[in-house]
Amino acid sequence: MPDPSADPAARRRPAARYGDRPARPRRTVVVALGLVAAVFSGWVVWAGLGVADRDVRWEDVGFQVVGNDRVDVTFDVIKDPEATARCTVTALSSGYATVGIASVDVGPASDRVVRTTTTVGTQQLAVTGIVDACEVL
């Protein structure tokens, strides 16, 4: 009886069953993936530098609910000492609804960090007060 392993045609796999794929990825696929990675890396650097280079930053320090009609909010504004920033401060209810809003200007100061306390009038009891945003004027 003849040995089937001796026949080279018998050792080949059927093309229709397994499909024919190249052994290595095509050069265009590798180049395209490299370009995508380079663009993504560039975007990450650009976005990171954009956030770091903002003109003004803020940090919530605390709040005190004074009554049903007001909350005092304390926050730090970090900016150029000569600049003036306008900050929007919001009071929120227990359901996260806005119950009060105030706008406060933090003017030129001798330091980069300015601690500010402002009173936000409310329509009902607030459970917290936060800074929504600050921008340089």
Protein backbone atom coordinates (compact mmCIF):
# COMPACT_ATOMS: atom_id res chain seq x y z
CA MET A 1 0.00 0.00 0.00
CA PRO A 2 1.45 3.44 -0.93
CA ASP A 3 2.34 5.91 1.81
CA PRO A 4 0.01 9.03 1.57
CA SER A 5 2.49 11.22 3.45
CA ALA A 6 5.01 10.75 0.67
CA ASP A 7 2.80 12.59 -1.81
CA PRO A 8 3.34 16.43 -1.49
CA ALA A 9 -0.17 17.15 -2.75
CA ALA A 10 -1.65 15.08 0.07
CA ARG A 11 0.12 17.18 2.70
CA ARG A 12 -1.35 20.51 1.50
CA ARG A 13 -4.39 21.81 3.30
CA PRO A 14 -7.57 22.42 1.34
CA ALA A 15 -7.71 26.14 0.40
CA ALA A 16 -11.48 26.39 0.42
CA ARG A 17 -11.75 25.05 3.95
CA TYR A 18 -9.19 27.26 5.75
CA GLY A 19 -8.88 30.23 3.42
CA ASP A 20 -5.65 31.64 2.09
CA ARG A 21 -4.14 34.42 4.21
CA PRO A 22 -0.72 35.94 3.87
CA ALA A 23 1.66 34.83 6.58
CA ARG A 24 2.59 38.43 7.49
CA PRO A 25 0.47 41.61 7.64
CA ARG A 26 0.62 43.71 4.54
CA ARG A 27 2.92 46.70 4.57
CA THR A 28 0.01 49.13 4.09
CA VAL A 29 -1.72 47.80 7.21
CA VAL A 30 1.44 48.26 9.27
CA VAL A 31 1.99 51.78 7.89
CA ALA A 32 -1.67 52.72 8.50
CA LEU A 33 -1.52 51.50 12.10
CA GLY A 34 1.69 53.44 12.63
CA LEU A 35 0.07 56.62 11.29
CA VAL A 36 -2.98 56.16 13.53
CA ALA A 37 -0.72 55.68 16.55
CA ALA A 38 1.31 58.79 15.66
CA VAL A 39 -1.80 60.94 15.18
CA PHE A 40 -3.29 59.70 18.46
CA SER A 41 -0.05 60.39 20.33
CA GLY A 42 0.12 63.88 18.86
CA TRP A 43 -3.47 64.57 19.90
CA VAL A 44 -2.77 63.40 23.47
CA VAL A 45 0.21 65.77 23.73
CA TRP A 46 -1.77 68.66 22.20
CA ALA A 47 -4.74 68.12 24.54
CA GLY A 48 -2.48 67.79 27.59
CA LEU A 49 -0.64 71.01 26.83
CA GLY A 50 -3.93 72.80 26.18
CA VAL A 51 -5.26 71.92 29.62
CA ALA A 52 -1.99 72.82 31.32
CA ASP A 53 -1.87 76.16 29.54
CA ARG A 54 -5.31 77.42 30.60
CA ASP A 55 -5.38 81.00 31.80
CA VAL A 56 -7.39 80.23 34.94
CA ARG A 57 -8.11 77.22 37.16
CA TRP A 58 -10.25 76.81 40.25
CA GLU A 59 -10.63 74.44 43.16
CA ASP A 60 -13.70 74.11 45.37
CA VAL A 61 -12.73 74.50 49.04
CA GLY A 62 -16.06 74.22 50.84
CA PHE A 63 -19.56 75.50 51.38
CA GLN A 64 -21.89 76.38 54.23
CA VAL A 65 -25.65 76.19 53.94
CA VAL A 66 -26.83 79.29 55.83
CA GLY A 67 -30.56 78.70 55.40
CA ASN A 68 -33.28 77.93 52.87
CA ASP A 69 -32.41 81.08 50.95
CA ARG A 70 -28.61 81.06 50.68
CA VAL A 71 -25.35 79.10 50.69
CA ASP A 72 -21.83 80.46 51.10
CA VAL A 73 -19.27 78.90 48.74
CA THR A 74 -15.50 79.14 49.26
CA PHE A 75 -13.10 78.40 46.40
CA ASP A 76 -9.58 79.14 45.20
CA VAL A 77 -8.91 80.81 41.84
CA ILE A 78 -5.47 80.21 40.31
CA LYS A 79 -4.58 82.80 37.67
CA ASP A 80 -2.12 85.46 36.63
CA PRO A 81 -2.03 88.03 39.48
CA GLU A 82 -2.78 90.94 37.14
CA ALA A 83 -5.76 89.21 35.48
CA THR A 84 -9.42 89.38 36.43
CA ALA A 85 -11.49 86.19 36.29
CA ARG A 86 -15.26 85.79 36.27
CA CYS A 87 -16.51 82.65 38.00
CA THR A 88 -19.97 81.08 37.89
CA VAL A 89 -20.98 79.53 41.21
CA THR A 90 -23.98 77.20 41.47
CA ALA A 91 -26.04 75.95 44.41
CA LEU A 92 -27.61 72.51 44.00
CA SER A 93 -30.51 70.72 45.69
CA SER A 94 -30.45 67.12 46.90
CA GLY A 95 -31.79 66.09 43.47
CA TYR A 96 -28.87 67.90 41.73
CA ALA A 97 -31.19 70.64 40.46
CA THR A 98 -29.80 74.17 40.25
CA VAL A 99 -31.50 76.24 42.96
CA GLY A 100 -29.21 79.26 42.79
CA ILE A 101 -26.51 80.78 40.63
CA ALA A 102 -24.10 83.67 41.09
CA SER A 103 -21.38 85.32 39.07
CA VAL A 104 -18.36 86.72 40.89
CA ASP A 105 -15.36 88.65 39.58
CA VAL A 106 -11.99 87.85 41.13
CA GLY A 107 -9.92 90.91 40.31
CA PRO A 108 -6.22 91.60 40.23
CA ALA A 109 -4.40 90.39 43.33
CA SER A 110 -0.88 90.14 44.68
CA ASP A 111 -0.80 86.30 44.50
CA ARG A 112 -1.57 83.66 41.87
CA VAL A 113 -3.97 81.88 44.22
CA VAL A 114 -6.93 83.91 45.49
CA ARG A 115 -9.33 82.39 48.04
CA THR A 116 -12.83 83.76 47.58
CA THR A 117 -16.10 83.26 49.44
CA THR A 118 -19.35 84.27 47.80
CA THR A 119 -22.99 84.04 48.80
CA VAL A 120 -25.39 82.35 46.40
CA GLY A 121 -29.07 83.14 46.87
CA THR A 122 -31.30 80.07 46.54
CA GLN A 123 -34.95 79.41 45.75
CA GLN A 124 -35.06 76.43 48.11
CA LEU A 125 -32.71 74.54 50.43
CA ALA A 126 -29.36 73.81 48.79
CA VAL A 127 -27.21 70.89 49.85
CA THR A 128 -24.03 71.98 48.11
CA GLY A 129 -22.35 74.84 46.30
CA ILE A 130 -19.76 74.47 43.54
CA VAL A 131 -17.85 76.49 40.97
CA ASP A 132 -19.05 75.62 37.48
CA ALA A 133 -16.51 77.63 35.50
CA CYS A 134 -14.08 80.54 35.55
CA GLU A 135 -12.79 82.57 32.62
CA VAL A 136 -10.33 85.40 32.26
CA LEU A 137 -11.95 88.69 31.29
